[in-house]
Every structure is written in structure tokens, then in C-alpha cells.
Amino acid sequence: MTEKPIKSIFHASLKPLDSESQTQGCRHTNPDICANHSLPQKCAFVREDGICFLPPKSWPKQYRQLRKTSEAMARAQLAQEEEDPDEDEDEDLNESDQYDEV
């Protein structure tokens, strides 16, 4: 499965500190014209921790969509792992049986 390239940071995967009210890094599609650009204590570009406390108005909806997508991907990955257990585990079992027979 090939993934489509991300068109903008707004559509990129969620980061650990993202929430509906803040983003890790700037999520504006055009930060240069953002009214809050470089606003002390609010803008990711001037904060040491890189958190934006004034994300785009459309961010809460986008956050919910990205969260649903990431949760669905995690569920699919868990289901895949349950269907196909690691082959390495089988090899380890075979090696331990070899030593028990001696």
C-alpha cells in the first residue's frame, strides 16, 4: 500500500502534544499571514516548546478526523498482528526444543 504525499501540515498525522485546543508546531496552512504569528506565549514559532495555543478555527474538526484515522489504523495494525503472529517467536521455540532433547 502506498501512501499519498501530505499536501500540508494541516493534514499531517497527529503529534503527541496535539489536542483540539493546541498543536505541536504550527498547523496553519499559511502561517505568514496568520494574525497571531509570533505572538508571545501563543505562537509555536516563538515558544520554546513549539506549542501553538491559537490553531486555526478549523483545527478542532480536523483533529477529530485525524484522531479517528489514527485510531482506525492502530486497530487495523493490532488485528493484523493477531492474525499473523511473529515468525521469530516460532523460531525461538524450535531452538529451545533442540536443547531439551539432549
N, C-alpha and C. Protein backbone atom coordinates (compact mmCIF):
# COMPACT_ATOMS: atom_id res chain seq x y z
N MET A 1 0.84 -1.17 0.00
CA MET A 1 0.00 0.00 0.00
C MET A 1 0.89 1.24 0.00
N THR A 2 0.68 2.11 -0.93
CA THR A 2 1.45 3.34 -1.00
C THR A 2 0.62 4.47 -0.40
N GLU A 3 1.30 5.33 0.33
CA GLU A 3 0.63 6.47 0.94
C GLU A 3 0.76 7.68 0.05
N LYS A 4 -0.30 8.49 0.03
CA LYS A 4 -0.25 9.72 -0.73
C LYS A 4 0.61 10.73 0.02
N PRO A 5 1.35 11.55 -0.70
CA PRO A 5 2.15 12.57 -0.01
C PRO A 5 1.24 13.57 0.70
N ILE A 6 1.67 14.06 1.84
CA ILE A 6 0.89 15.02 2.60
C ILE A 6 0.98 16.37 1.91
N LYS A 7 -0.19 16.96 1.66
CA LYS A 7 -0.22 18.23 0.94
C LYS A 7 0.14 19.42 1.84
N SER A 8 -0.21 19.35 3.12
CA SER A 8 0.13 20.44 4.03
C SER A 8 0.24 19.90 5.44
N ILE A 9 0.83 20.67 6.30
CA ILE A 9 1.00 20.28 7.69
C ILE A 9 -0.36 20.13 8.37
N PHE A 10 -1.36 20.83 7.89
CA PHE A 10 -2.72 20.75 8.45
C PHE A 10 -3.25 19.33 8.38
N HIS A 11 -2.86 18.59 7.35
CA HIS A 11 -3.35 17.22 7.15
C HIS A 11 -2.38 16.15 7.63
N ALA A 12 -1.26 16.55 8.19
CA ALA A 12 -0.25 15.58 8.66
C ALA A 12 -0.77 14.83 9.88
N SER A 13 -0.16 13.70 10.17
CA SER A 13 -0.55 12.88 11.31
C SER A 13 -0.46 13.68 12.61
N LEU A 14 -1.23 13.23 13.59
CA LEU A 14 -1.21 13.89 14.89
C LEU A 14 0.14 13.68 15.57
N LYS A 15 0.51 14.66 16.35
CA LYS A 15 1.72 14.60 17.16
C LYS A 15 1.30 14.41 18.62
N PRO A 16 2.20 13.93 19.47
CA PRO A 16 1.83 13.61 20.84
C PRO A 16 1.17 14.75 21.63
N LEU A 17 1.56 15.99 21.41
CA LEU A 17 1.01 17.10 22.18
C LEU A 17 -0.17 17.79 21.51
N ASP A 18 -0.65 17.28 20.39
CA ASP A 18 -1.80 17.87 19.72
C ASP A 18 -3.08 17.58 20.51
N SER A 19 -3.96 18.56 20.52
CA SER A 19 -5.30 18.39 21.09
C SER A 19 -6.23 19.31 20.30
N GLU A 20 -7.50 19.35 20.68
CA GLU A 20 -8.42 20.22 19.96
C GLU A 20 -8.11 21.70 20.18
N SER A 21 -7.44 22.02 21.26
CA SER A 21 -7.19 23.43 21.58
C SER A 21 -5.75 23.88 21.38
N GLN A 22 -4.84 22.96 21.06
CA GLN A 22 -3.44 23.33 20.83
C GLN A 22 -2.81 22.37 19.84
N THR A 23 -1.71 22.81 19.24
CA THR A 23 -0.98 21.94 18.31
C THR A 23 0.50 21.98 18.63
N GLN A 24 1.15 20.87 18.37
CA GLN A 24 2.61 20.82 18.49
C GLN A 24 3.17 21.30 17.17
N GLY A 25 3.67 22.51 17.15
CA GLY A 25 4.07 23.15 15.90
C GLY A 25 2.89 23.88 15.30
N CYS A 26 3.14 24.62 14.27
CA CYS A 26 2.10 25.41 13.61
C CYS A 26 1.33 24.55 12.61
N ARG A 27 0.00 24.59 12.67
CA ARG A 27 -0.84 23.84 11.73
C ARG A 27 -1.54 24.75 10.73
N HIS A 28 -1.23 26.03 10.74
CA HIS A 28 -1.85 26.94 9.77
C HIS A 28 -1.33 26.61 8.37
N THR A 29 -2.21 26.69 7.40
CA THR A 29 -1.81 26.38 6.03
C THR A 29 -0.93 27.48 5.45
N ASN A 30 -1.07 28.71 5.95
CA ASN A 30 -0.23 29.82 5.50
C ASN A 30 0.13 30.65 6.74
N PRO A 31 1.10 30.20 7.51
CA PRO A 31 1.41 30.89 8.77
C PRO A 31 1.91 32.32 8.59
N ASP A 32 2.42 32.66 7.43
CA ASP A 32 2.93 34.02 7.23
C ASP A 32 1.84 35.08 7.33
N ILE A 33 0.60 34.72 7.04
CA ILE A 33 -0.49 35.69 7.12
C ILE A 33 -1.36 35.48 8.35
N CYS A 34 -0.94 34.61 9.25
CA CYS A 34 -1.69 34.35 10.48
C CYS A 34 -1.67 35.61 11.35
N ALA A 35 -2.81 36.02 11.84
CA ALA A 35 -2.91 37.21 12.68
C ALA A 35 -2.16 37.04 14.00
N ASN A 36 -1.94 35.78 14.40
CA ASN A 36 -1.27 35.51 15.68
C ASN A 36 0.19 35.11 15.52
N HIS A 37 0.73 35.23 14.31
CA HIS A 37 2.12 34.86 14.05
C HIS A 37 3.05 35.66 14.96
N SER A 38 3.95 34.93 15.63
CA SER A 38 4.96 35.50 16.54
C SER A 38 4.37 36.16 17.78
N LEU A 39 3.13 35.88 18.10
CA LEU A 39 2.51 36.42 19.30
C LEU A 39 3.12 35.72 20.52
N PRO A 40 3.76 36.47 21.41
CA PRO A 40 4.41 35.86 22.58
C PRO A 40 3.44 35.00 23.39
N GLN A 41 3.92 33.87 23.86
CA GLN A 41 3.18 32.92 24.68
C GLN A 41 2.03 32.22 23.96
N LYS A 42 1.82 32.47 22.68
CA LYS A 42 0.72 31.85 21.94
C LYS A 42 1.17 31.12 20.68
N CYS A 43 2.20 31.64 20.03
CA CYS A 43 2.63 31.13 18.71
C CYS A 43 3.75 30.10 18.84
N ALA A 44 3.63 29.02 18.10
CA ALA A 44 4.64 27.95 18.13
C ALA A 44 6.00 28.44 17.65
N PHE A 45 6.03 29.43 16.80
CA PHE A 45 7.30 29.92 16.26
C PHE A 45 8.15 30.66 17.30
N VAL A 46 7.53 31.20 18.34
CA VAL A 46 8.29 31.95 19.35
C VAL A 46 8.34 31.25 20.71
N ARG A 47 7.55 30.23 20.90
CA ARG A 47 7.57 29.49 22.17
C ARG A 47 8.69 28.46 22.14
N GLU A 48 9.36 28.28 23.25
CA GLU A 48 10.45 27.30 23.32
C GLU A 48 9.96 25.87 23.13
N ASP A 49 8.74 25.58 23.62
CA ASP A 49 8.21 24.22 23.50
C ASP A 49 7.55 23.96 22.15
N GLY A 50 7.40 24.98 21.32
CA GLY A 50 6.83 24.81 19.97
C GLY A 50 5.34 24.54 19.95
N ILE A 51 4.62 24.90 21.01
CA ILE A 51 3.18 24.67 21.08
C ILE A 51 2.45 25.92 20.60
N CYS A 52 1.48 25.70 19.73
CA CYS A 52 0.61 26.79 19.27
C CYS A 52 -0.69 26.72 20.07
N PHE A 53 -1.02 27.79 20.77
CA PHE A 53 -2.25 27.84 21.54
C PHE A 53 -3.38 28.53 20.79
N LEU A 54 -3.13 28.93 19.57
CA LEU A 54 -4.16 29.56 18.74
C LEU A 54 -4.18 28.90 17.36
N PRO A 55 -4.54 27.61 17.30
CA PRO A 55 -4.58 26.94 15.99
C PRO A 55 -5.73 27.48 15.14
N PRO A 56 -5.79 27.10 13.88
CA PRO A 56 -6.87 27.58 13.01
C PRO A 56 -8.24 27.21 13.57
N LYS A 57 -9.24 27.99 13.24
CA LYS A 57 -10.61 27.71 13.71
C LYS A 57 -11.10 26.35 13.23
N SER A 58 -10.59 25.90 12.12
CA SER A 58 -11.00 24.60 11.58
C SER A 58 -10.24 23.43 12.23
N TRP A 59 -9.29 23.72 13.12
CA TRP A 59 -8.46 22.67 13.71
C TRP A 59 -9.24 21.65 14.54
N PRO A 60 -10.20 22.03 15.41
CA PRO A 60 -10.89 21.01 16.20
C PRO A 60 -11.53 19.91 15.34
N LYS A 61 -12.15 20.30 14.25
CA LYS A 61 -12.77 19.31 13.36
C LYS A 61 -11.68 18.43 12.72
N GLN A 62 -10.61 19.04 12.26
CA GLN A 62 -9.52 18.29 11.64
C GLN A 62 -8.88 17.35 12.66
N TYR A 63 -8.72 17.82 13.89
CA TYR A 63 -8.15 16.99 14.95
C TYR A 63 -8.99 15.73 15.16
N ARG A 64 -10.30 15.90 15.22
CA ARG A 64 -11.19 14.73 15.41
C ARG A 64 -11.08 13.76 14.24
N GLN A 65 -10.98 14.28 13.03
CA GLN A 65 -10.83 13.40 11.86
C GLN A 65 -9.50 12.66 11.89
N LEU A 66 -8.42 13.36 12.21
CA LEU A 66 -7.11 12.72 12.27
C LEU A 66 -7.05 11.70 13.40
N ARG A 67 -7.70 11.97 14.53
CA ARG A 67 -7.72 11.04 15.64
C ARG A 67 -8.47 9.76 15.26
N LYS A 68 -9.60 9.91 14.58
CA LYS A 68 -10.34 8.73 14.12
C LYS A 68 -9.50 7.90 13.16
N THR A 69 -8.80 8.57 12.26
CA THR A 69 -7.95 7.87 11.29
C THR A 69 -6.82 7.13 11.99
N SER A 70 -6.17 7.78 12.95
CA SER A 70 -5.05 7.13 13.64
C SER A 70 -5.54 5.97 14.50
N GLU A 71 -6.72 6.11 15.12
CA GLU A 71 -7.27 5.01 15.92
C GLU A 71 -7.64 3.83 15.02
N ALA A 72 -8.21 4.11 13.86
CA ALA A 72 -8.56 3.04 12.92
C ALA A 72 -7.32 2.31 12.43
N MET A 73 -6.26 3.07 12.17
CA MET A 73 -5.01 2.45 11.72
C MET A 73 -4.41 1.58 12.83
N ALA A 74 -4.49 2.04 14.07
CA ALA A 74 -3.96 1.26 15.19
C ALA A 74 -4.75 -0.02 15.36
N ARG A 75 -6.08 0.05 15.23
CA ARG A 75 -6.91 -1.17 15.34
C ARG A 75 -6.59 -2.14 14.22
N ALA A 76 -6.40 -1.63 13.02
CA ALA A 76 -6.07 -2.50 11.89
C ALA A 76 -4.71 -3.16 12.09
N GLN A 77 -3.77 -2.43 12.63
CA GLN A 77 -2.44 -3.00 12.88
C GLN A 77 -2.51 -4.08 13.95
N LEU A 78 -3.29 -3.86 15.00
CA LEU A 78 -3.45 -4.88 16.04
C LEU A 78 -4.11 -6.13 15.48
N ALA A 79 -5.12 -5.94 14.65
CA ALA A 79 -5.80 -7.08 14.04
C ALA A 79 -4.85 -7.86 13.15
N GLN A 80 -4.01 -7.16 12.41
CA GLN A 80 -3.03 -7.81 11.54
C GLN A 80 -2.04 -8.61 12.37
N GLU A 81 -1.59 -8.06 13.49
CA GLU A 81 -0.63 -8.76 14.35
C GLU A 81 -1.26 -9.99 14.98
N GLU A 82 -2.54 -9.93 15.30
CA GLU A 82 -3.22 -11.10 15.88
C GLU A 82 -3.38 -12.21 14.84
N GLU A 83 -3.61 -11.84 13.59
CA GLU A 83 -3.76 -12.83 12.52
C GLU A 83 -2.44 -13.47 12.16
N ASP A 84 -1.37 -12.70 12.13
CA ASP A 84 -0.04 -13.18 11.73
C ASP A 84 0.94 -13.01 12.88
N PRO A 85 1.00 -13.99 13.79
CA PRO A 85 1.98 -13.84 14.87
C PRO A 85 3.40 -13.81 14.31
N ASP A 86 4.30 -13.21 15.06
CA ASP A 86 5.68 -13.09 14.59
C ASP A 86 6.29 -14.46 14.34
N GLU A 87 6.96 -14.59 13.21
CA GLU A 87 7.63 -15.83 12.88
C GLU A 87 8.84 -16.04 13.76
N ASP A 88 9.42 -14.97 14.27
CA ASP A 88 10.58 -15.07 15.15
C ASP A 88 10.27 -15.87 16.40
N GLU A 89 9.05 -15.74 16.92
CA GLU A 89 8.67 -16.48 18.11
C GLU A 89 8.71 -17.98 17.84
N ASP A 90 8.24 -18.40 16.67
CA ASP A 90 8.27 -19.82 16.31
C ASP A 90 9.69 -20.33 16.22
N GLU A 91 10.59 -19.54 15.67
CA GLU A 91 11.98 -19.94 15.55
C GLU A 91 12.61 -20.11 16.92
N ASP A 92 12.29 -19.21 17.85
CA ASP A 92 12.83 -19.31 19.20
C ASP A 92 12.34 -20.59 19.89
N LEU A 93 11.10 -20.96 19.65
CA LEU A 93 10.58 -22.18 20.25
C LEU A 93 11.29 -23.41 19.70
N ASN A 94 11.55 -23.41 18.42
CA ASN A 94 12.24 -24.54 17.81
C ASN A 94 13.65 -24.68 18.36
N GLU A 95 14.33 -23.59 18.59
CA GLU A 95 15.69 -23.64 19.13
C GLU A 95 15.69 -24.17 20.56
N SER A 96 14.71 -23.79 21.37
CA SER A 96 14.68 -24.26 22.75
C SER A 96 14.35 -25.74 22.81
N ASP A 97 13.53 -26.27 21.88
CA ASP A 97 13.23 -27.69 21.83
C ASP A 97 14.48 -28.50 21.54
N GLN A 98 15.36 -27.97 20.74
CA GLN A 98 16.59 -28.66 20.37
C GLN A 98 17.44 -28.92 21.60
N TYR A 99 17.51 -28.00 22.51
CA TYR A 99 18.34 -28.15 23.71
C TYR A 99 17.68 -29.07 24.73
N ASP A 100 16.36 -29.17 24.74
CA ASP A 100 15.66 -30.02 25.70
C ASP A 100 15.88 -31.50 25.39
N GLU A 101 16.11 -31.84 24.14
CA GLU A 101 16.24 -33.24 23.74
C GLU A 101 17.58 -33.86 24.17
N VAL A 102 18.56 -33.12 24.47
CA VAL A 102 19.91 -33.62 24.78
C VAL A 102 19.96 -34.32 26.09
